[in-house]
N, C-alpha and C. Protein backbone atom coordinates (compact mmCIF):
# COMPACT_ATOMS: atom_id res chain seq x y z
N MET A 1 40.87 12.77 -6.19
CA MET A 1 40.82 12.86 -4.72
C MET A 1 41.41 11.59 -4.11
N LYS A 2 42.06 11.79 -2.97
CA LYS A 2 42.67 10.64 -2.29
C LYS A 2 41.95 10.41 -0.97
N ILE A 3 41.72 9.12 -0.65
CA ILE A 3 41.10 8.76 0.62
C ILE A 3 42.14 8.88 1.73
N LEU A 4 41.87 9.76 2.70
CA LEU A 4 42.80 9.94 3.83
C LEU A 4 42.50 8.98 4.97
N ASP A 5 41.19 8.68 5.14
CA ASP A 5 40.84 7.83 6.28
C ASP A 5 39.45 7.23 6.05
N ILE A 6 39.21 6.10 6.68
CA ILE A 6 37.90 5.46 6.69
C ILE A 6 37.58 5.11 8.14
N LYS A 7 36.59 5.76 8.71
CA LYS A 7 36.27 5.58 10.13
C LYS A 7 34.87 5.02 10.30
N LYS A 8 34.74 4.11 11.25
CA LYS A 8 33.42 3.57 11.57
C LYS A 8 32.63 4.61 12.34
N LYS A 9 31.39 4.81 11.94
CA LYS A 9 30.52 5.78 12.60
C LYS A 9 29.14 5.15 12.76
N GLY A 10 28.90 4.56 13.91
CA GLY A 10 27.64 3.85 14.13
C GLY A 10 27.57 2.64 13.23
N ASN A 11 26.49 2.55 12.44
CA ASN A 11 26.34 1.44 11.50
C ASN A 11 26.95 1.75 10.14
N LEU A 12 27.52 2.93 10.00
CA LEU A 12 28.08 3.36 8.73
C LEU A 12 29.59 3.58 8.84
N TYR A 13 30.20 3.91 7.71
CA TYR A 13 31.62 4.22 7.68
C TYR A 13 31.80 5.57 6.97
N THR A 14 32.61 6.42 7.54
CA THR A 14 32.88 7.74 6.97
C THR A 14 34.17 7.69 6.16
N ILE A 15 34.04 8.03 4.88
CA ILE A 15 35.20 8.12 4.00
C ILE A 15 35.63 9.58 3.96
N ILE A 16 36.88 9.83 4.36
CA ILE A 16 37.40 11.20 4.41
C ILE A 16 38.42 11.39 3.28
N PHE A 17 38.21 12.45 2.47
CA PHE A 17 39.09 12.72 1.34
C PHE A 17 40.01 13.89 1.63
N ASP A 18 41.06 13.98 0.84
CA ASP A 18 42.02 15.07 1.02
C ASP A 18 41.45 16.42 0.57
N SER A 19 40.27 16.40 -0.04
CA SER A 19 39.60 17.63 -0.46
C SER A 19 38.76 18.22 0.67
N ASN A 20 38.85 17.58 1.86
CA ASN A 20 38.05 17.95 3.03
C ASN A 20 36.59 17.50 2.93
N ASP A 21 36.26 16.78 1.86
CA ASP A 21 34.92 16.20 1.73
C ASP A 21 34.88 14.87 2.47
N SER A 22 33.71 14.52 2.98
CA SER A 22 33.55 13.23 3.65
C SER A 22 32.15 12.70 3.37
N TYR A 23 32.00 11.38 3.31
CA TYR A 23 30.72 10.75 2.98
C TYR A 23 30.51 9.53 3.88
N ASN A 24 29.29 9.38 4.37
CA ASN A 24 28.93 8.21 5.16
C ASN A 24 28.33 7.15 4.25
N VAL A 25 28.93 5.96 4.28
CA VAL A 25 28.45 4.88 3.40
C VAL A 25 28.33 3.58 4.20
N HIS A 26 27.67 2.63 3.59
CA HIS A 26 27.52 1.32 4.21
C HIS A 26 28.79 0.49 4.00
N LEU A 27 29.03 -0.43 4.91
CA LEU A 27 30.20 -1.31 4.81
C LEU A 27 30.20 -2.06 3.48
N GLU A 28 29.03 -2.43 3.03
CA GLU A 28 28.90 -3.15 1.76
C GLU A 28 29.53 -2.38 0.61
N ILE A 29 29.43 -1.06 0.63
CA ILE A 29 30.00 -0.23 -0.43
C ILE A 29 31.53 -0.29 -0.40
N ILE A 30 32.09 -0.25 0.78
CA ILE A 30 33.55 -0.30 0.93
C ILE A 30 34.09 -1.64 0.46
N ILE A 31 33.41 -2.71 0.87
CA ILE A 31 33.87 -4.06 0.49
C ILE A 31 33.71 -4.29 -1.01
N LYS A 32 32.53 -3.95 -1.52
CA LYS A 32 32.23 -4.18 -2.93
C LYS A 32 33.20 -3.45 -3.85
N ASN A 33 33.57 -2.22 -3.46
CA ASN A 33 34.45 -1.41 -4.31
C ASN A 33 35.91 -1.45 -3.87
N ASN A 34 36.18 -2.30 -2.86
CA ASN A 34 37.55 -2.49 -2.38
C ASN A 34 38.23 -1.16 -2.05
N LEU A 35 37.52 -0.32 -1.32
CA LEU A 35 38.05 1.01 -0.98
C LEU A 35 39.05 0.92 0.16
N LYS A 36 40.18 1.62 0.00
CA LYS A 36 41.23 1.60 1.00
C LYS A 36 41.81 3.01 1.17
N ILE A 37 42.40 3.23 2.33
CA ILE A 37 43.10 4.49 2.58
C ILE A 37 44.23 4.63 1.55
N GLN A 38 44.38 5.87 1.05
CA GLN A 38 45.36 6.25 0.03
C GLN A 38 44.90 5.94 -1.40
N ASP A 39 43.71 5.37 -1.55
CA ASP A 39 43.17 5.15 -2.91
C ASP A 39 42.83 6.49 -3.56
N ASP A 40 43.10 6.59 -4.84
CA ASP A 40 42.66 7.76 -5.62
C ASP A 40 41.27 7.47 -6.19
N VAL A 41 40.37 8.43 -6.02
CA VAL A 41 38.99 8.27 -6.48
C VAL A 41 38.63 9.47 -7.35
N ASP A 42 38.26 9.21 -8.62
CA ASP A 42 37.85 10.33 -9.48
C ASP A 42 36.36 10.60 -9.29
N ASN A 43 35.89 11.67 -9.86
CA ASN A 43 34.50 12.10 -9.66
C ASN A 43 33.49 11.08 -10.20
N LYS A 44 33.83 10.45 -11.30
CA LYS A 44 32.93 9.46 -11.89
C LYS A 44 32.75 8.26 -10.97
N PHE A 45 33.89 7.81 -10.41
CA PHE A 45 33.82 6.65 -9.51
C PHE A 45 33.11 7.03 -8.21
N LEU A 46 33.34 8.25 -7.74
CA LEU A 46 32.68 8.70 -6.51
C LEU A 46 31.17 8.76 -6.71
N LYS A 47 30.74 9.26 -7.86
CA LYS A 47 29.31 9.32 -8.16
C LYS A 47 28.70 7.92 -8.15
N LYS A 48 29.41 6.96 -8.72
CA LYS A 48 28.94 5.58 -8.75
C LYS A 48 28.79 5.03 -7.33
N ILE A 49 29.76 5.29 -6.49
CA ILE A 49 29.73 4.82 -5.10
C ILE A 49 28.55 5.41 -4.35
N LEU A 50 28.35 6.69 -4.51
CA LEU A 50 27.26 7.37 -3.79
C LEU A 50 25.90 6.91 -4.28
N GLU A 51 25.78 6.62 -5.58
CA GLU A 51 24.52 6.10 -6.11
C GLU A 51 24.23 4.70 -5.55
N GLU A 52 25.27 3.90 -5.44
CA GLU A 52 25.11 2.56 -4.87
C GLU A 52 24.67 2.67 -3.41
N ASN A 53 25.24 3.63 -2.71
CA ASN A 53 24.87 3.83 -1.31
C ASN A 53 23.43 4.32 -1.18
N ASP A 54 23.04 5.23 -2.07
CA ASP A 54 21.65 5.71 -2.08
C ASP A 54 20.68 4.56 -2.37
N LEU A 55 21.09 3.65 -3.23
CA LEU A 55 20.25 2.51 -3.56
C LEU A 55 20.01 1.64 -2.32
N ILE A 56 21.08 1.42 -1.55
CA ILE A 56 20.94 0.65 -0.31
C ILE A 56 20.01 1.36 0.67
N ASN A 57 20.20 2.67 0.82
CA ASN A 57 19.34 3.44 1.73
C ASN A 57 17.88 3.37 1.31
N THR A 58 17.65 3.46 0.01
CA THR A 58 16.28 3.44 -0.52
C THR A 58 15.64 2.07 -0.28
N LYS A 59 16.39 1.01 -0.54
CA LYS A 59 15.87 -0.34 -0.29
C LYS A 59 15.56 -0.53 1.19
N ASN A 60 16.46 -0.06 2.04
CA ASN A 60 16.24 -0.21 3.48
C ASN A 60 14.98 0.52 3.94
N SER A 61 14.75 1.70 3.38
CA SER A 61 13.54 2.45 3.72
C SER A 61 12.30 1.70 3.27
N ALA A 62 12.37 1.14 2.07
CA ALA A 62 11.23 0.37 1.55
C ALA A 62 10.98 -0.86 2.40
N LEU A 63 12.03 -1.54 2.79
CA LEU A 63 11.89 -2.74 3.63
C LEU A 63 11.34 -2.39 5.00
N PHE A 64 11.67 -1.21 5.51
CA PHE A 64 11.11 -0.75 6.78
C PHE A 64 9.60 -0.63 6.67
N TYR A 65 9.11 -0.04 5.57
CA TYR A 65 7.66 0.09 5.38
C TYR A 65 7.02 -1.29 5.20
N LEU A 66 7.69 -2.17 4.46
CA LEU A 66 7.14 -3.50 4.20
C LEU A 66 7.09 -4.35 5.47
N ALA A 67 8.00 -4.09 6.40
CA ALA A 67 8.01 -4.85 7.65
C ALA A 67 6.79 -4.52 8.51
N ARG A 68 6.24 -3.34 8.30
CA ARG A 68 5.07 -2.91 9.08
C ARG A 68 3.78 -3.47 8.50
N ARG A 69 3.69 -3.51 7.17
CA ARG A 69 2.53 -4.10 6.49
C ARG A 69 2.84 -4.22 5.01
N GLN A 70 2.01 -4.97 4.29
CA GLN A 70 2.17 -5.06 2.84
C GLN A 70 1.89 -3.70 2.21
N HIS A 71 2.62 -3.40 1.14
CA HIS A 71 2.40 -2.17 0.38
C HIS A 71 2.35 -2.51 -1.10
N SER A 72 1.60 -1.72 -1.84
CA SER A 72 1.68 -1.81 -3.30
C SER A 72 2.95 -1.08 -3.75
N ARG A 73 3.36 -1.35 -4.96
CA ARG A 73 4.55 -0.67 -5.50
C ARG A 73 4.33 0.84 -5.52
N SER A 74 3.14 1.26 -5.93
CA SER A 74 2.84 2.69 -6.02
C SER A 74 2.90 3.36 -4.65
N GLU A 75 2.39 2.70 -3.62
CA GLU A 75 2.44 3.25 -2.26
C GLU A 75 3.88 3.49 -1.84
N LEU A 76 4.73 2.50 -2.08
CA LEU A 76 6.13 2.62 -1.70
C LEU A 76 6.81 3.74 -2.48
N PHE A 77 6.51 3.83 -3.77
CA PHE A 77 7.11 4.88 -4.59
C PHE A 77 6.80 6.26 -4.01
N LEU A 78 5.55 6.49 -3.65
CA LEU A 78 5.15 7.80 -3.12
C LEU A 78 5.81 8.09 -1.77
N LYS A 79 5.90 7.07 -0.92
CA LYS A 79 6.53 7.27 0.38
C LYS A 79 8.02 7.54 0.25
N LEU A 80 8.66 6.86 -0.68
CA LEU A 80 10.10 7.07 -0.89
C LEU A 80 10.38 8.42 -1.53
N MET A 81 9.49 8.87 -2.38
CA MET A 81 9.65 10.21 -2.98
C MET A 81 9.59 11.28 -1.90
N LYS A 82 8.76 11.07 -0.89
CA LYS A 82 8.66 12.04 0.20
C LYS A 82 9.95 12.10 1.01
N LYS A 83 10.74 11.03 0.96
CA LYS A 83 12.01 11.02 1.68
C LYS A 83 13.14 11.62 0.83
N LYS A 84 12.75 12.15 -0.33
CA LYS A 84 13.69 12.90 -1.18
C LYS A 84 14.71 12.02 -1.91
N TYR A 85 14.43 10.72 -2.05
CA TYR A 85 15.29 9.90 -2.88
C TYR A 85 15.01 10.24 -4.34
N SER A 86 15.99 10.04 -5.20
CA SER A 86 15.78 10.35 -6.61
C SER A 86 14.85 9.31 -7.25
N LYS A 87 14.10 9.76 -8.25
CA LYS A 87 13.15 8.88 -8.92
C LYS A 87 13.85 7.69 -9.56
N VAL A 88 14.99 7.94 -10.16
CA VAL A 88 15.74 6.86 -10.82
C VAL A 88 16.16 5.79 -9.82
N ILE A 89 16.68 6.21 -8.67
CA ILE A 89 17.13 5.27 -7.64
C ILE A 89 15.94 4.51 -7.06
N ILE A 90 14.83 5.20 -6.86
CA ILE A 90 13.63 4.55 -6.34
C ILE A 90 13.16 3.44 -7.28
N GLU A 91 13.12 3.74 -8.57
CA GLU A 91 12.69 2.74 -9.54
C GLU A 91 13.63 1.53 -9.52
N ARG A 92 14.92 1.78 -9.42
CA ARG A 92 15.88 0.68 -9.35
C ARG A 92 15.65 -0.17 -8.10
N ALA A 93 15.45 0.52 -6.98
CA ALA A 93 15.24 -0.19 -5.71
C ALA A 93 13.96 -1.03 -5.76
N LEU A 94 12.89 -0.46 -6.28
CA LEU A 94 11.62 -1.18 -6.35
C LEU A 94 11.70 -2.34 -7.33
N ASN A 95 12.42 -2.18 -8.42
CA ASN A 95 12.61 -3.28 -9.37
C ASN A 95 13.33 -4.44 -8.69
N ASP A 96 14.39 -4.11 -7.94
CA ASP A 96 15.15 -5.15 -7.23
C ASP A 96 14.26 -5.88 -6.22
N LEU A 97 13.48 -5.11 -5.47
CA LEU A 97 12.61 -5.71 -4.45
C LEU A 97 11.49 -6.52 -5.08
N GLU A 98 11.02 -6.07 -6.23
CA GLU A 98 9.98 -6.80 -6.95
C GLU A 98 10.54 -8.13 -7.46
N ASN A 99 11.73 -8.08 -8.03
CA ASN A 99 12.37 -9.30 -8.54
C ASN A 99 12.69 -10.28 -7.42
N SER A 100 12.89 -9.76 -6.21
CA SER A 100 13.21 -10.61 -5.06
C SER A 100 11.95 -11.11 -4.35
N GLY A 101 10.79 -10.65 -4.81
CA GLY A 101 9.54 -11.12 -4.24
C GLY A 101 9.04 -10.33 -3.04
N PHE A 102 9.73 -9.25 -2.70
CA PHE A 102 9.29 -8.43 -1.57
C PHE A 102 8.07 -7.57 -1.94
N ILE A 103 7.95 -7.25 -3.21
CA ILE A 103 6.81 -6.48 -3.70
C ILE A 103 6.07 -7.32 -4.74
N ASN A 104 4.77 -7.45 -4.57
CA ASN A 104 3.96 -8.19 -5.53
C ASN A 104 2.55 -7.61 -5.49
N ASP A 105 2.22 -6.81 -6.49
CA ASP A 105 0.94 -6.12 -6.48
C ASP A 105 -0.25 -7.07 -6.53
N ARG A 106 -0.10 -8.20 -7.19
CA ARG A 106 -1.22 -9.15 -7.25
C ARG A 106 -1.47 -9.78 -5.88
N GLU A 107 -0.41 -10.20 -5.21
CA GLU A 107 -0.57 -10.79 -3.87
C GLU A 107 -1.08 -9.74 -2.89
N PHE A 108 -0.60 -8.50 -3.04
CA PHE A 108 -1.09 -7.41 -2.20
C PHE A 108 -2.59 -7.23 -2.40
N THR A 109 -3.02 -7.26 -3.66
CA THR A 109 -4.44 -7.07 -3.99
C THR A 109 -5.30 -8.17 -3.38
N LYS A 110 -4.86 -9.41 -3.51
CA LYS A 110 -5.61 -10.53 -2.94
C LYS A 110 -5.77 -10.38 -1.43
N SER A 111 -4.67 -10.06 -0.78
CA SER A 111 -4.68 -9.92 0.68
C SER A 111 -5.54 -8.74 1.12
N TYR A 112 -5.41 -7.64 0.39
CA TYR A 112 -6.16 -6.43 0.75
C TYR A 112 -7.66 -6.63 0.56
N ILE A 113 -8.04 -7.32 -0.51
CA ILE A 113 -9.45 -7.61 -0.76
C ILE A 113 -10.02 -8.45 0.37
N GLN A 114 -9.27 -9.47 0.78
CA GLN A 114 -9.75 -10.33 1.87
C GLN A 114 -9.94 -9.55 3.16
N GLU A 115 -9.02 -8.63 3.42
CA GLU A 115 -9.14 -7.80 4.63
C GLU A 115 -10.39 -6.92 4.57
N LEU A 116 -10.62 -6.30 3.43
CA LEU A 116 -11.76 -5.40 3.30
C LEU A 116 -13.09 -6.15 3.31
N VAL A 117 -13.09 -7.36 2.78
CA VAL A 117 -14.32 -8.15 2.75
C VAL A 117 -14.60 -8.77 4.11
N ASN A 118 -13.59 -9.40 4.69
CA ASN A 118 -13.80 -10.18 5.91
C ASN A 118 -13.82 -9.35 7.19
N LYS A 119 -13.03 -8.27 7.22
CA LYS A 119 -12.95 -7.47 8.44
C LYS A 119 -13.81 -6.21 8.40
N LYS A 120 -13.80 -5.53 7.25
CA LYS A 120 -14.54 -4.26 7.16
C LYS A 120 -15.88 -4.40 6.47
N ARG A 121 -16.11 -5.58 5.87
CA ARG A 121 -17.39 -5.87 5.19
C ARG A 121 -17.72 -4.82 4.14
N GLU A 122 -16.73 -4.43 3.35
CA GLU A 122 -16.97 -3.42 2.33
C GLU A 122 -17.41 -4.07 1.02
N GLY A 123 -18.16 -3.29 0.24
CA GLY A 123 -18.65 -3.77 -1.04
C GLY A 123 -17.65 -3.57 -2.16
N ILE A 124 -17.97 -4.15 -3.31
CA ILE A 124 -17.07 -4.17 -4.45
C ILE A 124 -16.67 -2.77 -4.90
N ASN A 125 -17.63 -1.86 -4.98
CA ASN A 125 -17.33 -0.52 -5.49
C ASN A 125 -16.31 0.21 -4.62
N LYS A 126 -16.46 0.10 -3.31
CA LYS A 126 -15.53 0.77 -2.40
C LYS A 126 -14.16 0.10 -2.45
N ILE A 127 -14.16 -1.22 -2.54
CA ILE A 127 -12.89 -1.95 -2.63
C ILE A 127 -12.14 -1.55 -3.89
N ARG A 128 -12.89 -1.46 -5.00
CA ARG A 128 -12.27 -1.07 -6.27
C ARG A 128 -11.62 0.32 -6.16
N ASN A 129 -12.33 1.25 -5.56
CA ASN A 129 -11.80 2.61 -5.40
C ASN A 129 -10.56 2.63 -4.52
N ARG A 130 -10.56 1.83 -3.47
CA ARG A 130 -9.40 1.77 -2.58
C ARG A 130 -8.18 1.24 -3.33
N LEU A 131 -8.38 0.22 -4.13
CA LEU A 131 -7.28 -0.38 -4.88
C LEU A 131 -6.73 0.59 -5.92
N PHE A 132 -7.63 1.31 -6.59
CA PHE A 132 -7.18 2.32 -7.54
C PHE A 132 -6.33 3.38 -6.84
N SER A 133 -6.75 3.77 -5.64
CA SER A 133 -6.02 4.81 -4.91
C SER A 133 -4.64 4.33 -4.48
N LYS A 134 -4.44 3.02 -4.44
CA LYS A 134 -3.13 2.47 -4.09
C LYS A 134 -2.30 2.15 -5.32
N GLY A 135 -2.80 2.59 -6.48
CA GLY A 135 -2.02 2.45 -7.71
C GLY A 135 -2.01 1.07 -8.33
N ILE A 136 -2.97 0.23 -7.97
CA ILE A 136 -3.01 -1.11 -8.53
C ILE A 136 -3.53 -1.06 -9.96
N ASN A 137 -2.90 -1.84 -10.83
CA ASN A 137 -3.29 -1.91 -12.23
C ASN A 137 -4.74 -2.37 -12.39
N LYS A 138 -5.48 -1.74 -13.31
CA LYS A 138 -6.91 -2.04 -13.51
C LYS A 138 -7.12 -3.51 -13.85
N GLU A 139 -6.23 -4.08 -14.63
CA GLU A 139 -6.37 -5.48 -15.02
C GLU A 139 -6.31 -6.40 -13.80
N ILE A 140 -5.38 -6.12 -12.90
CA ILE A 140 -5.26 -6.93 -11.69
C ILE A 140 -6.51 -6.77 -10.82
N ILE A 141 -6.98 -5.53 -10.69
CA ILE A 141 -8.19 -5.27 -9.88
C ILE A 141 -9.37 -6.05 -10.43
N ASP A 142 -9.60 -5.95 -11.74
CA ASP A 142 -10.75 -6.62 -12.35
C ASP A 142 -10.67 -8.13 -12.19
N GLU A 143 -9.48 -8.68 -12.39
CA GLU A 143 -9.33 -10.13 -12.29
C GLU A 143 -9.56 -10.63 -10.87
N GLU A 144 -9.01 -9.94 -9.89
CA GLU A 144 -9.13 -10.39 -8.51
C GLU A 144 -10.53 -10.15 -7.94
N LEU A 145 -11.16 -9.05 -8.35
CA LEU A 145 -12.52 -8.79 -7.88
C LEU A 145 -13.52 -9.76 -8.49
N LYS A 146 -13.23 -10.20 -9.71
CA LYS A 146 -14.12 -11.15 -10.37
C LYS A 146 -14.25 -12.43 -9.55
N ASN A 147 -13.19 -12.76 -8.82
CA ASN A 147 -13.19 -14.00 -8.04
C ASN A 147 -14.10 -13.94 -6.82
N ILE A 148 -14.47 -12.73 -6.40
CA ILE A 148 -15.29 -12.64 -5.18
C ILE A 148 -16.66 -12.01 -5.40
N ILE A 149 -16.88 -11.44 -6.59
CA ILE A 149 -18.15 -10.74 -6.84
C ILE A 149 -19.35 -11.64 -6.61
N GLN A 150 -19.23 -12.88 -7.04
CA GLN A 150 -20.37 -13.80 -6.94
C GLN A 150 -20.35 -14.66 -5.68
N THR A 151 -19.42 -14.41 -4.78
CA THR A 151 -19.35 -15.24 -3.59
C THR A 151 -20.43 -14.87 -2.58
N GLU A 152 -20.76 -15.83 -1.74
CA GLU A 152 -21.78 -15.59 -0.72
C GLU A 152 -21.31 -14.58 0.31
N ASN A 153 -20.00 -14.42 0.47
CA ASN A 153 -19.48 -13.49 1.47
C ASN A 153 -19.99 -12.07 1.27
N ILE A 154 -20.04 -11.64 0.01
CA ILE A 154 -20.49 -10.28 -0.28
C ILE A 154 -21.93 -10.08 0.14
N LEU A 155 -22.80 -11.01 -0.26
CA LEU A 155 -24.21 -10.92 0.11
C LEU A 155 -24.39 -11.05 1.62
N ASP A 156 -23.67 -11.99 2.22
CA ASP A 156 -23.78 -12.20 3.67
C ASP A 156 -23.33 -10.95 4.43
N ASN A 157 -22.24 -10.35 3.99
CA ASN A 157 -21.74 -9.14 4.67
C ASN A 157 -22.75 -8.00 4.58
N ALA A 158 -23.32 -7.83 3.39
CA ALA A 158 -24.31 -6.77 3.21
C ALA A 158 -25.53 -7.02 4.10
N LEU A 159 -25.89 -8.27 4.23
CA LEU A 159 -27.05 -8.62 5.06
C LEU A 159 -26.77 -8.37 6.55
N ILE A 160 -25.56 -8.71 6.97
CA ILE A 160 -25.18 -8.47 8.37
C ILE A 160 -25.21 -6.97 8.68
N LEU A 161 -24.62 -6.19 7.77
CA LEU A 161 -24.62 -4.74 7.96
C LEU A 161 -26.03 -4.17 7.96
N ALA A 162 -26.86 -4.70 7.09
CA ALA A 162 -28.24 -4.21 6.99
C ALA A 162 -29.01 -4.47 8.27
N LYS A 163 -28.90 -5.66 8.82
CA LYS A 163 -29.63 -6.00 10.04
C LYS A 163 -29.18 -5.15 11.22
N LYS A 164 -27.87 -4.92 11.31
CA LYS A 164 -27.36 -4.07 12.39
C LYS A 164 -27.88 -2.64 12.24
N LYS A 165 -27.88 -2.17 11.00
CA LYS A 165 -28.34 -0.80 10.74
C LYS A 165 -29.83 -0.66 11.03
N ILE A 166 -30.60 -1.66 10.66
CA ILE A 166 -32.04 -1.62 10.93
C ILE A 166 -32.31 -1.55 12.43
N ASN A 167 -31.56 -2.34 13.19
CA ASN A 167 -31.73 -2.34 14.65
C ASN A 167 -31.45 -0.96 15.23
N ILE A 168 -30.42 -0.31 14.72
CA ILE A 168 -30.06 1.03 15.22
C ILE A 168 -31.12 2.05 14.82
N LEU A 169 -31.50 2.02 13.54
CA LEU A 169 -32.46 3.00 13.04
C LEU A 169 -33.85 2.83 13.66
N SER A 170 -34.18 1.59 13.99
CA SER A 170 -35.51 1.32 14.56
C SER A 170 -35.68 1.94 15.94
N LYS A 171 -34.56 2.25 16.58
CA LYS A 171 -34.61 2.84 17.93
C LYS A 171 -34.70 4.37 17.90
N ASN A 172 -34.65 4.95 16.69
CA ASN A 172 -34.60 6.41 16.58
C ASN A 172 -35.93 7.05 16.25
N ASN A 173 -36.99 6.29 16.39
CA ASN A 173 -38.34 6.82 16.16
C ASN A 173 -38.49 7.42 14.76
N LEU A 174 -37.87 6.74 13.77
CA LEU A 174 -37.97 7.20 12.40
C LEU A 174 -39.16 6.54 11.70
N SER A 175 -39.63 7.19 10.67
CA SER A 175 -40.71 6.58 9.89
C SER A 175 -40.15 5.35 9.18
N LYS A 176 -41.03 4.45 8.81
CA LYS A 176 -40.60 3.22 8.15
C LYS A 176 -39.94 3.51 6.80
N GLU A 177 -40.47 4.44 6.08
CA GLU A 177 -39.89 4.81 4.79
C GLU A 177 -38.51 5.43 4.97
N LYS A 178 -38.33 6.23 6.02
CA LYS A 178 -37.06 6.87 6.30
C LYS A 178 -35.99 5.82 6.61
N ILE A 179 -36.39 4.78 7.32
CA ILE A 179 -35.45 3.69 7.64
C ILE A 179 -34.93 3.05 6.36
N ARG A 180 -35.85 2.80 5.44
CA ARG A 180 -35.44 2.18 4.19
C ARG A 180 -34.49 3.09 3.40
N GLN A 181 -34.81 4.36 3.35
CA GLN A 181 -33.97 5.31 2.62
C GLN A 181 -32.56 5.39 3.21
N LYS A 182 -32.51 5.46 4.53
CA LYS A 182 -31.21 5.56 5.21
C LYS A 182 -30.41 4.28 5.02
N LEU A 183 -31.06 3.15 5.07
CA LEU A 183 -30.38 1.87 4.89
C LEU A 183 -29.81 1.79 3.47
N PHE A 184 -30.59 2.20 2.51
CA PHE A 184 -30.15 2.17 1.12
C PHE A 184 -28.88 3.03 0.96
N SER A 185 -28.92 4.24 1.47
CA SER A 185 -27.77 5.15 1.36
C SER A 185 -26.55 4.59 2.08
N TYR A 186 -26.78 3.98 3.23
CA TYR A 186 -25.70 3.42 4.03
C TYR A 186 -24.98 2.30 3.29
N LEU A 187 -25.74 1.38 2.70
CA LEU A 187 -25.13 0.25 2.00
C LEU A 187 -24.41 0.69 0.72
N VAL A 188 -24.98 1.66 0.03
CA VAL A 188 -24.31 2.19 -1.17
C VAL A 188 -22.98 2.84 -0.78
N ALA A 189 -22.99 3.57 0.34
CA ALA A 189 -21.76 4.22 0.81
C ALA A 189 -20.71 3.20 1.23
N LYS A 190 -21.15 2.02 1.63
CA LYS A 190 -20.22 0.95 2.00
C LYS A 190 -19.66 0.24 0.77
N GLY A 191 -20.14 0.63 -0.41
CA GLY A 191 -19.57 0.07 -1.63
C GLY A 191 -20.40 -0.99 -2.32
N TYR A 192 -21.63 -1.21 -1.87
CA TYR A 192 -22.49 -2.21 -2.50
C TYR A 192 -23.28 -1.57 -3.64
N ASN A 193 -23.43 -2.31 -4.73
CA ASN A 193 -24.09 -1.72 -5.90
C ASN A 193 -25.61 -1.72 -5.73
N TYR A 194 -26.26 -0.99 -6.63
CA TYR A 194 -27.70 -0.77 -6.54
C TYR A 194 -28.48 -2.09 -6.54
N GLU A 195 -28.09 -3.02 -7.43
CA GLU A 195 -28.81 -4.28 -7.54
C GLU A 195 -28.73 -5.09 -6.26
N LEU A 196 -27.54 -5.17 -5.68
CA LEU A 196 -27.39 -5.96 -4.46
C LEU A 196 -28.13 -5.31 -3.30
N VAL A 197 -28.06 -3.99 -3.20
CA VAL A 197 -28.77 -3.29 -2.12
C VAL A 197 -30.27 -3.50 -2.25
N SER A 198 -30.77 -3.46 -3.47
CA SER A 198 -32.20 -3.70 -3.69
C SER A 198 -32.58 -5.11 -3.26
N GLU A 199 -31.68 -6.05 -3.53
CA GLU A 199 -31.94 -7.44 -3.13
C GLU A 199 -31.96 -7.56 -1.60
N ILE A 200 -31.04 -6.86 -0.94
CA ILE A 200 -30.98 -6.89 0.52
C ILE A 200 -32.27 -6.32 1.11
N ILE A 201 -32.76 -5.26 0.53
CA ILE A 201 -33.99 -4.64 1.01
C ILE A 201 -35.16 -5.62 0.91
N LYS A 202 -35.17 -6.40 -0.16
CA LYS A 202 -36.23 -7.40 -0.32
C LYS A 202 -36.07 -8.52 0.71
N ILE A 203 -34.82 -8.97 0.90
CA ILE A 203 -34.56 -10.04 1.86
C ILE A 203 -34.99 -9.62 3.26
N CYS A 204 -34.71 -8.37 3.60
CA CYS A 204 -35.07 -7.86 4.93
C CYS A 204 -36.54 -7.45 5.02
N LYS A 205 -37.25 -7.64 3.89
CA LYS A 205 -38.68 -7.33 3.83
C LYS A 205 -38.95 -5.88 4.21
N LEU A 206 -38.07 -5.04 3.73
CA LEU A 206 -38.25 -3.63 4.05
C LEU A 206 -39.37 -2.99 3.24
N GLU A 207 -39.93 -3.76 2.27
CA GLU A 207 -41.07 -3.24 1.59
C GLU A 207 -42.26 -3.13 2.54
N GLU A 208 -42.16 -3.82 3.69
CA GLU A 208 -43.20 -3.74 4.70
C GLU A 208 -43.02 -2.49 5.56
N TYR A 209 -41.81 -1.87 5.48
CA TYR A 209 -41.54 -0.69 6.27
C TYR A 209 -42.11 0.54 5.55
N ARG A 210 -43.42 0.58 5.49
CA ARG A 210 -44.09 1.72 4.86
C ARG A 210 -45.10 2.30 5.84
N ASP A 211 -45.24 3.61 5.76
CA ASP A 211 -46.25 4.23 6.60
C ASP A 211 -47.63 3.84 6.09
N ASP A 212 -48.52 3.65 7.00
CA ASP A 212 -49.90 3.31 6.62
C ASP A 212 -50.62 4.52 6.04
């Protein structure tokens, strides 16, 4: 096939062939491959050009998501698959972005844990499940959670949530035992383990919340 014309179209360039086929590509593709009008392009070379262009499109889509917030590699993979990019091109794009430091699952995990602990006051179990759902490697999850399991933040957060919950439940004319049961269920649902919740109940002296 011979290139009949190369026309600028918005942010892209349209390559028009004598076969009546045309393709929109990035300027980078034209420069990198030194494409010119009247050049002969065989099918193998055309496939290479289009794959390079798809790679740029895939990276740009990934960078668009990353500009909005941090993502794990798995999150980006799933979002890019929904945009119908090929799996091979997606893996190449993510590898390039990972090597360039745009994707880092460990840094994502650290940041995400801090957000869940400091802003949402979630417990370890819920945090672990959230990280698994984002495709984070188990080894990374275990290592990063180990750093905060014994911190005062976890206990303090559970205590803050417990006191707020007690205040709310105390206004609902519930029995004292019912308050304790609801508080226990609430904290477990927030991701706190049985031992910590039991400790919180003792700290709040909820053993006194018993019907006479």
